[in-house]
Amino acid sequence: MSTAFIVLQDVPEARTLVEAAEQDNKNLTVDQQPAMVRLEAPGEVVIRKQTVEELTGQEWDPQDIHLVLVSVGGNIDETDDQFRVYWANN
């Protein structure tokens, strides 16, 4: 199984996304590096709108991830409800 990943800038706006990803992904690994955070998991990494909104108490548009997104590994699936990176061969 291929490892999907999302790399975010290490800025305050991304910290809630990291926390949400930890809740939304059972096998997530978080790798804190200088100036960025790498989120990876076998098969897929998903960040759900509902989880982010529960953590912040504010509305969140999954497209806002692009403001702090550095890189992804895998296919991107963006909907109104989530931002997902996955491998189609799984």
PDB file of N, CA and C in Angstrom:
ATOM      1  N   MET A   1       0.845  -1.171   0.000  1.00  0.00           N
ATOM      2  CA  MET A   1       0.000   0.000   0.000  1.00  0.00           C
ATOM      3  C   MET A   1       0.892   1.236   0.000  1.00  0.00           C
ATOM      4  N   SER A   2       0.597   2.187  -0.864  1.00  0.00           N
ATOM      5  CA  SER A   2       1.360   3.415  -0.964  1.00  0.00           C
ATOM      6  C   SER A   2       1.015   4.369   0.168  1.00  0.00           C
ATOM      7  N   THR A   3       1.982   5.183   0.538  1.00  0.00           N
ATOM      8  CA  THR A   3       1.781   6.167   1.595  1.00  0.00           C
ATOM      9  C   THR A   3       1.361   7.491   0.980  1.00  0.00           C
ATOM     10  N   ALA A   4       0.211   7.998   1.400  1.00  0.00           N
ATOM     11  CA  ALA A   4      -0.259   9.316   0.977  1.00  0.00           C
ATOM     12  C   ALA A   4       0.250  10.337   1.981  1.00  0.00           C
ATOM     13  N   PHE A   5       0.509  11.557   1.504  1.00  0.00           N
ATOM     14  CA  PHE A   5       0.949  12.580   2.444  1.00  0.00           C
ATOM     15  C   PHE A   5       0.476  13.968   2.057  1.00  0.00           C
ATOM     16  N   ILE A   6       0.386  14.814   3.066  1.00  0.00           N
ATOM     17  CA  ILE A   6       0.102  16.238   2.931  1.00  0.00           C
ATOM     18  C   ILE A   6       1.170  16.961   3.729  1.00  0.00           C
ATOM     19  N   VAL A   7       1.782  17.971   3.127  1.00  0.00           N
ATOM     20  CA  VAL A   7       2.763  18.793   3.822  1.00  0.00           C
ATOM     21  C   VAL A   7       2.185  20.201   3.945  1.00  0.00           C
ATOM     22  N   LEU A   8       2.145  20.697   5.177  1.00  0.00           N
ATOM     23  CA  LEU A   8       1.612  22.025   5.466  1.00  0.00           C
ATOM     24  C   LEU A   8       2.697  22.918   6.047  1.00  0.00           C
ATOM     25  N   GLN A   9       2.575  24.221   5.824  1.00  0.00           N
ATOM     26  CA  GLN A   9       3.452  25.170   6.493  1.00  0.00           C
ATOM     27  C   GLN A   9       3.210  25.065   7.994  1.00  0.00           C
ATOM     28  N   ASP A  10       4.243  25.252   8.778  1.00  0.00           N
ATOM     29  CA  ASP A  10       4.089  25.243  10.231  1.00  0.00           C
ATOM     30  C   ASP A  10       3.740  26.658  10.691  1.00  0.00           C
ATOM     31  N   VAL A  11       2.459  26.990  10.518  1.00  0.00           N
ATOM     32  CA  VAL A  11       1.928  28.300  10.902  1.00  0.00           C
ATOM     33  C   VAL A  11       0.674  28.067  11.742  1.00  0.00           C
ATOM     34  N   PRO A  12       0.254  29.065  12.516  1.00  0.00           N
ATOM     35  CA  PRO A  12      -0.921  28.875  13.373  1.00  0.00           C
ATOM     36  C   PRO A  12      -2.162  28.382  12.626  1.00  0.00           C
ATOM     37  N   GLU A  13      -2.379  28.828  11.399  1.00  0.00           N
ATOM     38  CA  GLU A  13      -3.558  28.424  10.630  1.00  0.00           C
ATOM     39  C   GLU A  13      -3.559  26.929  10.322  1.00  0.00           C
ATOM     40  N   ALA A  14      -2.398  26.304  10.297  1.00  0.00           N
ATOM     41  CA  ALA A  14      -2.298  24.880   9.959  1.00  0.00           C
ATOM     42  C   ALA A  14      -2.407  23.977  11.183  1.00  0.00           C
ATOM     43  N   ARG A  15      -2.189  24.504  12.352  1.00  0.00           N
ATOM     44  CA  ARG A  15      -2.161  23.644  13.542  1.00  0.00           C
ATOM     45  C   ARG A  15      -3.493  22.961  13.806  1.00  0.00           C
ATOM     46  N   THR A  16      -4.579  23.653  13.556  1.00  0.00           N
ATOM     47  CA  THR A  16      -5.898  23.028  13.712  1.00  0.00           C
ATOM     48  C   THR A  16      -6.097  21.938  12.668  1.00  0.00           C
ATOM     49  N   LEU A  17      -5.566  22.131  11.465  1.00  0.00           N
ATOM     50  CA  LEU A  17      -5.691  21.117  10.419  1.00  0.00           C
ATOM     51  C   LEU A  17      -4.923  19.858  10.805  1.00  0.00           C
ATOM     52  N   VAL A  18      -3.779  20.035  11.448  1.00  0.00           N
ATOM     53  CA  VAL A  18      -3.006  18.884  11.917  1.00  0.00           C
ATOM     54  C   VAL A  18      -3.794  18.128  12.983  1.00  0.00           C
ATOM     55  N   GLU A  19      -4.372  18.872  13.916  1.00  0.00           N
ATOM     56  CA  GLU A  19      -5.168  18.244  14.978  1.00  0.00           C
ATOM     57  C   GLU A  19      -6.376  17.506  14.395  1.00  0.00           C
ATOM     58  N   ALA A  20      -7.034  18.121  13.418  1.00  0.00           N
ATOM     59  CA  ALA A  20      -8.178  17.477  12.770  1.00  0.00           C
ATOM     60  C   ALA A  20      -7.742  16.212  12.042  1.00  0.00           C
ATOM     61  N   ALA A  21      -6.606  16.279  11.352  1.00  0.00           N
ATOM     62  CA  ALA A  21      -6.102  15.103  10.634  1.00  0.00           C
ATOM     63  C   ALA A  21      -5.795  13.971  11.602  1.00  0.00           C
ATOM     64  N   GLU A  22      -5.275  14.304  12.777  1.00  0.00           N
ATOM     65  CA  GLU A  22      -5.001  13.268  13.776  1.00  0.00           C
ATOM     66  C   GLU A  22      -6.287  12.573  14.209  1.00  0.00           C
ATOM     67  N   GLN A  23      -7.377  13.317  14.280  1.00  0.00           N
ATOM     68  CA  GLN A  23      -8.659  12.718  14.656  1.00  0.00           C
ATOM     69  C   GLN A  23      -9.284  11.933  13.512  1.00  0.00           C
ATOM     70  N   ASP A  24      -9.084  12.403  12.283  1.00  0.00           N
ATOM     71  CA  ASP A  24      -9.756  11.820  11.121  1.00  0.00           C
ATOM     72  C   ASP A  24      -9.043  10.613  10.513  1.00  0.00           C
ATOM     73  N   ASN A  25      -7.783  10.365  10.901  1.00  0.00           N
ATOM     74  CA  ASN A  25      -6.986   9.308  10.275  1.00  0.00           C
ATOM     75  C   ASN A  25      -6.380   8.399  11.331  1.00  0.00           C
ATOM     76  N   LYS A  26      -6.784   7.149  11.300  1.00  0.00           N
ATOM     77  CA  LYS A  26      -6.374   6.181  12.315  1.00  0.00           C
ATOM     78  C   LYS A  26      -4.868   5.929  12.327  1.00  0.00           C
ATOM     79  N   ASN A  27      -4.235   5.793  11.188  1.00  0.00           N
ATOM     80  CA  ASN A  27      -2.821   5.433  11.107  1.00  0.00           C
ATOM     81  C   ASN A  27      -1.931   6.609  10.720  1.00  0.00           C
ATOM     82  N   LEU A  28      -2.309   7.810  11.087  1.00  0.00           N
ATOM     83  CA  LEU A  28      -1.568   9.010  10.693  1.00  0.00           C
ATOM     84  C   LEU A  28      -0.254   9.130  11.445  1.00  0.00           C
ATOM     85  N   THR A  29       0.778   9.513  10.703  1.00  0.00           N
ATOM     86  CA  THR A  29       2.064   9.871  11.289  1.00  0.00           C
ATOM     87  C   THR A  29       2.267  11.359  11.059  1.00  0.00           C
ATOM     88  N   VAL A  30       2.636  12.076  12.114  1.00  0.00           N
ATOM     89  CA  VAL A  30       2.896  13.514  12.021  1.00  0.00           C
ATOM     90  C   VAL A  30       4.389  13.720  12.204  1.00  0.00           C
ATOM     91  N   ASP A  31       5.011  14.313  11.194  1.00  0.00           N
ATOM     92  CA  ASP A  31       6.448  14.569  11.223  1.00  0.00           C
ATOM     93  C   ASP A  31       6.668  16.076  11.247  1.00  0.00           C
ATOM     94  N   GLN A  32       6.986  16.598  12.409  1.00  0.00           N
ATOM     95  CA  GLN A  32       7.245  18.034  12.592  1.00  0.00           C
ATOM     96  C   GLN A  32       8.660  18.330  12.107  1.00  0.00           C
ATOM     97  N   GLN A  33       8.782  19.227  11.142  1.00  0.00           N
ATOM     98  CA  GLN A  33      10.077  19.619  10.610  1.00  0.00           C
ATOM     99  C   GLN A  33      10.194  21.133  10.676  1.00  0.00           C
ATOM    100  N   PRO A  34      11.394  21.675  10.483  1.00  0.00           N
ATOM    101  CA  PRO A  34      11.510  23.133  10.481  1.00  0.00           C
ATOM    102  C   PRO A  34      10.620  23.747   9.406  1.00  0.00           C
ATOM    103  N   ALA A  35       9.724  24.598   9.810  1.00  0.00           N
ATOM    104  CA  ALA A  35       8.846  25.372   8.928  1.00  0.00           C
ATOM    105  C   ALA A  35       7.726  24.575   8.261  1.00  0.00           C
ATOM    106  N   MET A  36       7.620  23.256   8.522  1.00  0.00           N
ATOM    107  CA  MET A  36       6.533  22.491   7.914  1.00  0.00           C
ATOM    108  C   MET A  36       6.186  21.261   8.737  1.00  0.00           C
ATOM    109  N   VAL A  37       4.995  20.732   8.443  1.00  0.00           N
ATOM    110  CA  VAL A  37       4.508  19.527   9.104  1.00  0.00           C
ATOM    111  C   VAL A  37       4.067  18.562   8.015  1.00  0.00           C
ATOM    112  N   ARG A  38       4.575  17.338   8.081  1.00  0.00           N
ATOM    113  CA  ARG A  38       4.211  16.310   7.099  1.00  0.00           C
ATOM    114  C   ARG A  38       3.252  15.330   7.764  1.00  0.00           C
ATOM    115  N   LEU A  39       2.082  15.158   7.140  1.00  0.00           N
ATOM    116  CA  LEU A  39       1.057  14.227   7.598  1.00  0.00           C
ATOM    117  C   LEU A  39       1.035  13.069   6.615  1.00  0.00           C
ATOM    118  N   GLU A  40       1.240  11.847   7.098  1.00  0.00           N
ATOM    119  CA  GLU A  40       1.231  10.720   6.163  1.00  0.00           C
ATOM    120  C   GLU A  40       0.550   9.513   6.781  1.00  0.00           C
ATOM    121  N   ALA A  41      -0.018   8.706   5.888  1.00  0.00           N
ATOM    122  CA  ALA A  41      -0.713   7.489   6.309  1.00  0.00           C
ATOM    123  C   ALA A  41      -0.775   6.534   5.125  1.00  0.00           C
ATOM    124  N   PRO A  42      -0.863   5.247   5.407  1.00  0.00           N
ATOM    125  CA  PRO A  42      -1.013   4.278   4.327  1.00  0.00           C
ATOM    126  C   PRO A  42      -2.346   4.503   3.598  1.00  0.00           C
ATOM    127  N   GLY A  43      -2.281   4.632   2.282  1.00  0.00           N
ATOM    128  CA  GLY A  43      -3.503   4.721   1.485  1.00  0.00           C
ATOM    129  C   GLY A  43      -4.089   6.094   1.304  1.00  0.00           C
ATOM    130  N   GLU A  44      -4.404   6.803   2.403  1.00  0.00           N
ATOM    131  CA  GLU A  44      -5.036   8.120   2.274  1.00  0.00           C
ATOM    132  C   GLU A  44      -4.842   8.958   3.530  1.00  0.00           C
ATOM    133  N   VAL A  45      -4.922  10.272   3.318  1.00  0.00           N
ATOM    134  CA  VAL A  45      -4.977  11.248   4.413  1.00  0.00           C
ATOM    135  C   VAL A  45      -6.171  12.138   4.105  1.00  0.00           C
ATOM    136  N   VAL A  46      -7.067  12.287   5.074  1.00  0.00           N
ATOM    137  CA  VAL A  46      -8.262  13.097   4.884  1.00  0.00           C
ATOM    138  C   VAL A  46      -8.381  14.099   6.027  1.00  0.00           C
ATOM    139  N   ILE A  47      -8.819  15.315   5.685  1.00  0.00           N
ATOM    140  CA  ILE A  47      -9.143  16.334   6.676  1.00  0.00           C
ATOM    141  C   ILE A  47     -10.586  16.736   6.413  1.00  0.00           C
ATOM    142  N   ARG A  48     -11.447  16.486   7.383  1.00  0.00           N
ATOM    143  CA  ARG A  48     -12.881  16.724   7.218  1.00  0.00           C
ATOM    144  C   ARG A  48     -13.302  18.096   7.747  1.00  0.00           C
ATOM    145  N   LYS A  49     -14.154  18.738   6.984  1.00  0.00           N
ATOM    146  CA  LYS A  49     -14.692  20.051   7.344  1.00  0.00           C
ATOM    147  C   LYS A  49     -15.322  20.010   8.735  1.00  0.00           C
ATOM    148  N   GLN A  50     -16.128  19.013   9.003  1.00  0.00           N
ATOM    149  CA  GLN A  50     -16.832  18.913  10.279  1.00  0.00           C
ATOM    150  C   GLN A  50     -15.853  18.879  11.452  1.00  0.00           C
ATOM    151  N   THR A  51     -14.766  18.152  11.310  1.00  0.00           N
ATOM    152  CA  THR A  51     -13.782  18.047  12.389  1.00  0.00           C
ATOM    153  C   THR A  51     -13.112  19.390  12.638  1.00  0.00           C
ATOM    154  N   VAL A  52     -12.709  20.070  11.575  1.00  0.00           N
ATOM    155  CA  VAL A  52     -12.073  21.388  11.720  1.00  0.00           C
ATOM    156  C   VAL A  52     -13.038  22.359  12.379  1.00  0.00           C
ATOM    157  N   GLU A  53     -14.291  22.353  11.944  1.00  0.00           N
ATOM    158  CA  GLU A  53     -15.283  23.274  12.516  1.00  0.00           C
ATOM    159  C   GLU A  53     -15.564  22.971  13.982  1.00  0.00           C
ATOM    160  N   GLU A  54     -15.567  21.697  14.361  1.00  0.00           N
ATOM    161  CA  GLU A  54     -15.754  21.340  15.769  1.00  0.00           C
ATOM    162  C   GLU A  54     -14.586  21.839  16.622  1.00  0.00           C
ATOM    163  N   LEU A  55     -13.374  21.783  16.089  1.00  0.00           N
ATOM    164  CA  LEU A  55     -12.193  22.218  16.830  1.00  0.00           C
ATOM    165  C   LEU A  55     -12.109  23.737  16.957  1.00  0.00           C
ATOM    166  N   THR A  56     -12.518  24.445  15.901  1.00  0.00           N
ATOM    167  CA  THR A  56     -12.377  25.903  15.896  1.00  0.00           C
ATOM    168  C   THR A  56     -13.636  26.649  16.320  1.00  0.00           C
ATOM    169  N   GLY A  57     -14.791  26.004  16.176  1.00  0.00           N
ATOM    170  CA  GLY A  57     -16.049  26.700  16.442  1.00  0.00           C
ATOM    171  C   GLY A  57     -16.404  27.690  15.344  1.00  0.00           C
ATOM    172  N   GLN A  58     -15.737  27.574  14.190  1.00  0.00           N
ATOM    173  CA  GLN A  58     -15.977  28.474  13.065  1.00  0.00           C
ATOM    174  C   GLN A  58     -16.145  27.661  11.788  1.00  0.00           C
ATOM    175  N   GLU A  59     -16.788  28.282  10.789  1.00  0.00           N
ATOM    176  CA  GLU A  59     -16.910  27.618   9.496  1.00  0.00           C
ATOM    177  C   GLU A  59     -15.533  27.502   8.853  1.00  0.00           C
ATOM    178  N   TRP A  60     -15.330  26.407   8.119  1.00  0.00           N
ATOM    179  CA  TRP A  60     -14.082  26.198   7.392  1.00  0.00           C
ATOM    180  C   TRP A  60     -14.394  25.660   6.013  1.00  0.00           C
ATOM    181  N   ASP A  61     -13.814  26.256   5.001  1.00  0.00           N
ATOM    182  CA  ASP A  61     -13.943  25.787   3.630  1.00  0.00           C
ATOM    183  C   ASP A  61     -12.702  24.951   3.320  1.00  0.00           C
ATOM    184  N   PRO A  62     -12.865  23.683   2.958  1.00  0.00           N
ATOM    185  CA  PRO A  62     -11.703  22.841   2.673  1.00  0.00           C
ATOM    186  C   PRO A  62     -10.732  23.437   1.643  1.00  0.00           C
ATOM    187  N   GLN A  63     -11.198  24.305   0.776  1.00  0.00           N
ATOM    188  CA  GLN A  63     -10.297  24.940  -0.184  1.00  0.00           C
ATOM    189  C   GLN A  63      -9.301  25.875   0.502  1.00  0.00           C
ATOM    190  N   ASP A  64      -9.605  26.302   1.724  1.00  0.00           N
ATOM    191  CA  ASP A  64      -8.692  27.164   2.464  1.00  0.00           C
ATOM    192  C   ASP A  64      -7.380  26.465   2.810  1.00  0.00           C
ATOM    193  N   ILE A  65      -7.337  25.145   2.707  1.00  0.00           N
ATOM    194  CA  ILE A  65      -6.090  24.428   2.965  1.00  0.00           C
ATOM    195  C   ILE A  65      -4.989  24.894   2.014  1.00  0.00           C
ATOM    196  N   HIS A  66      -5.372  25.378   0.841  1.00  0.00           N
ATOM    197  CA  HIS A  66      -4.386  25.808  -0.144  1.00  0.00           C
ATOM    198  C   HIS A  66      -3.567  27.007   0.332  1.00  0.00           C
ATOM    199  N   LEU A  67      -4.048  27.719   1.332  1.00  0.00           N
ATOM    200  CA  LEU A  67      -3.309  28.854   1.877  1.00  0.00           C
ATOM    201  C   LEU A  67      -2.067  28.418   2.646  1.00  0.00           C
ATOM    202  N   VAL A  68      -2.054  27.168   3.129  1.00  0.00           N
ATOM    203  CA  VAL A  68      -0.924  26.666   3.926  1.00  0.00           C
ATOM    204  C   VAL A  68      -0.328  25.381   3.347  1.00  0.00           C
ATOM    205  N   LEU A  69      -0.830  24.934   2.209  1.00  0.00           N
ATOM    206  CA  LEU A  69      -0.392  23.684   1.591  1.00  0.00           C
ATOM    207  C   LEU A  69       0.958  23.860   0.893  1.00  0.00           C
ATOM    208  N   VAL A  70       1.883  22.958   1.183  1.00  0.00           N
ATOM    209  CA  VAL A  70       3.195  22.972   0.549  1.00  0.00           C
ATOM    210  C   VAL A  70       3.263  21.903  -0.537  1.00  0.00           C
ATOM    211  N   SER A  71       2.827  20.681  -0.214  1.00  0.00           N
ATOM    212  CA  SER A  71       2.965  19.571  -1.152  1.00  0.00           C
ATOM    213  C   SER A  71       2.002  18.443  -0.779  1.00  0.00           C
ATOM    214  N   VAL A  72       1.749  17.561  -1.751  1.00  0.00           N
ATOM    215  CA  VAL A  72       0.957  16.357  -1.503  1.00  0.00           C
ATOM    216  C   VAL A  72       1.612  15.195  -2.223  1.00  0.00           C
ATOM    217  N   GLY A  73       1.341  14.009  -1.751  1.00  0.00           N
ATOM    218  CA  GLY A  73       1.761  12.790  -2.422  1.00  0.00           C
ATOM    219  C   GLY A  73       0.544  11.924  -2.613  1.00  0.00           C
ATOM    220  N   GLY A  74       0.039  11.874  -3.838  1.00  0.00           N
ATOM    221  CA  GLY A  74      -1.163  11.114  -4.132  1.00  0.00           C
ATOM    222  C   GLY A  74      -2.132  11.930  -4.964  1.00  0.00           C
ATOM    223  N   ASN A  75      -3.283  11.348  -5.199  1.00  0.00           N
ATOM    224  CA  ASN A  75      -4.356  12.030  -5.925  1.00  0.00           C
ATOM    225  C   ASN A  75      -5.120  12.910  -4.949  1.00  0.00           C
ATOM    226  N   ILE A  76      -5.621  14.025  -5.436  1.00  0.00           N
ATOM    227  CA  ILE A  76      -6.382  14.951  -4.592  1.00  0.00           C
ATOM    228  C   ILE A  76      -7.861  14.813  -4.898  1.00  0.00           C
ATOM    229  N   ASP A  77      -8.660  14.730  -3.849  1.00  0.00           N
ATOM    230  CA  ASP A  77     -10.114  14.716  -3.945  1.00  0.00           C
ATOM    231  C   ASP A  77     -10.634  15.810  -3.020  1.00  0.00           C
ATOM    232  N   GLU A  78     -11.104  16.898  -3.615  1.00  0.00           N
ATOM    233  CA  GLU A  78     -11.638  18.016  -2.832  1.00  0.00           C
ATOM    234  C   GLU A  78     -13.147  18.064  -3.005  1.00  0.00           C
ATOM    235  N   THR A  79     -13.848  18.116  -1.900  1.00  0.00           N
ATOM    236  CA  THR A  79     -15.294  18.313  -1.937  1.00  0.00           C
ATOM    237  C   THR A  79     -15.640  19.431  -0.965  1.00  0.00           C
ATOM    238  N   ASP A  80     -16.913  19.727  -0.855  1.00  0.00           N
ATOM    239  CA  ASP A  80     -17.355  20.729   0.120  1.00  0.00           C
ATOM    240  C   ASP A  80     -17.184  20.224   1.546  1.00  0.00           C
ATOM    241  N   ASP A  81     -17.000  18.900   1.721  1.00  0.00           N
ATOM    242  CA  ASP A  81     -16.951  18.293   3.050  1.00  0.00           C
ATOM    243  C   ASP A  81     -15.570  17.833   3.501  1.00  0.00           C
ATOM    244  N   GLN A  82     -14.597  17.781   2.574  1.00  0.00           N
ATOM    245  CA  GLN A  82     -13.290  17.262   2.977  1.00  0.00           C
ATOM    246  C   GLN A  82     -12.209  17.579   1.947  1.00  0.00           C
ATOM    247  N   PHE A  83     -10.960  17.456   2.390  1.00  0.00           N
ATOM    248  CA  PHE A  83      -9.789  17.490   1.518  1.00  0.00           C
ATOM    249  C   PHE A  83      -9.102  16.152   1.726  1.00  0.00           C
ATOM    250  N   ARG A  84      -8.936  15.406   0.645  1.00  0.00           N
ATOM    251  CA  ARG A  84      -8.412  14.028   0.751  1.00  0.00           C
ATOM    252  C   ARG A  84      -7.306  13.825  -0.265  1.00  0.00           C
ATOM    253  N   VAL A  85      -6.222  13.193   0.189  1.00  0.00           N
ATOM    254  CA  VAL A  85      -5.136  12.775  -0.690  1.00  0.00           C
ATOM    255  C   VAL A  85      -5.056  11.263  -0.581  1.00  0.00           C
ATOM    256  N   TYR A  86      -5.037  10.573  -1.710  1.00  0.00           N
ATOM    257  CA  TYR A  86      -5.117   9.114  -1.688  1.00  0.00           C
ATOM    258  C   TYR A  86      -4.381   8.537  -2.899  1.00  0.00           C
ATOM    259  N   TRP A  87      -4.148   7.248  -2.849  1.00  0.00           N
ATOM    260  CA  TRP A  87      -3.577   6.525  -3.978  1.00  0.00           C
ATOM    261  C   TRP A  87      -4.666   5.661  -4.596  1.00  0.00           C
ATOM    262  N   ALA A  88      -4.880   5.809  -5.883  1.00  0.00           N
ATOM    263  CA  ALA A  88      -5.947   5.085  -6.598  1.00  0.00           C
ATOM    264  C   ALA A  88      -5.652   3.596  -6.726  1.00  0.00           C
ATOM    265  N   ASN A  89      -4.400   3.189  -6.530  1.00  0.00           N
ATOM    266  CA  ASN A  89      -4.049   1.769  -6.677  1.00  0.00           C
ATOM    267  C   ASN A  89      -4.310   0.968  -5.414  1.00  0.00           C
ATOM    268  N   ASN A  90      -4.948   1.561  -4.405  1.00  0.00           N
ATOM    269  CA  ASN A  90      -5.244   0.841  -3.152  1.00  0.00           C
ATOM    270  C   ASN A  90      -6.578   0.149  -3.237  1.00  0.00           C
TER     271      ASN A  90
END
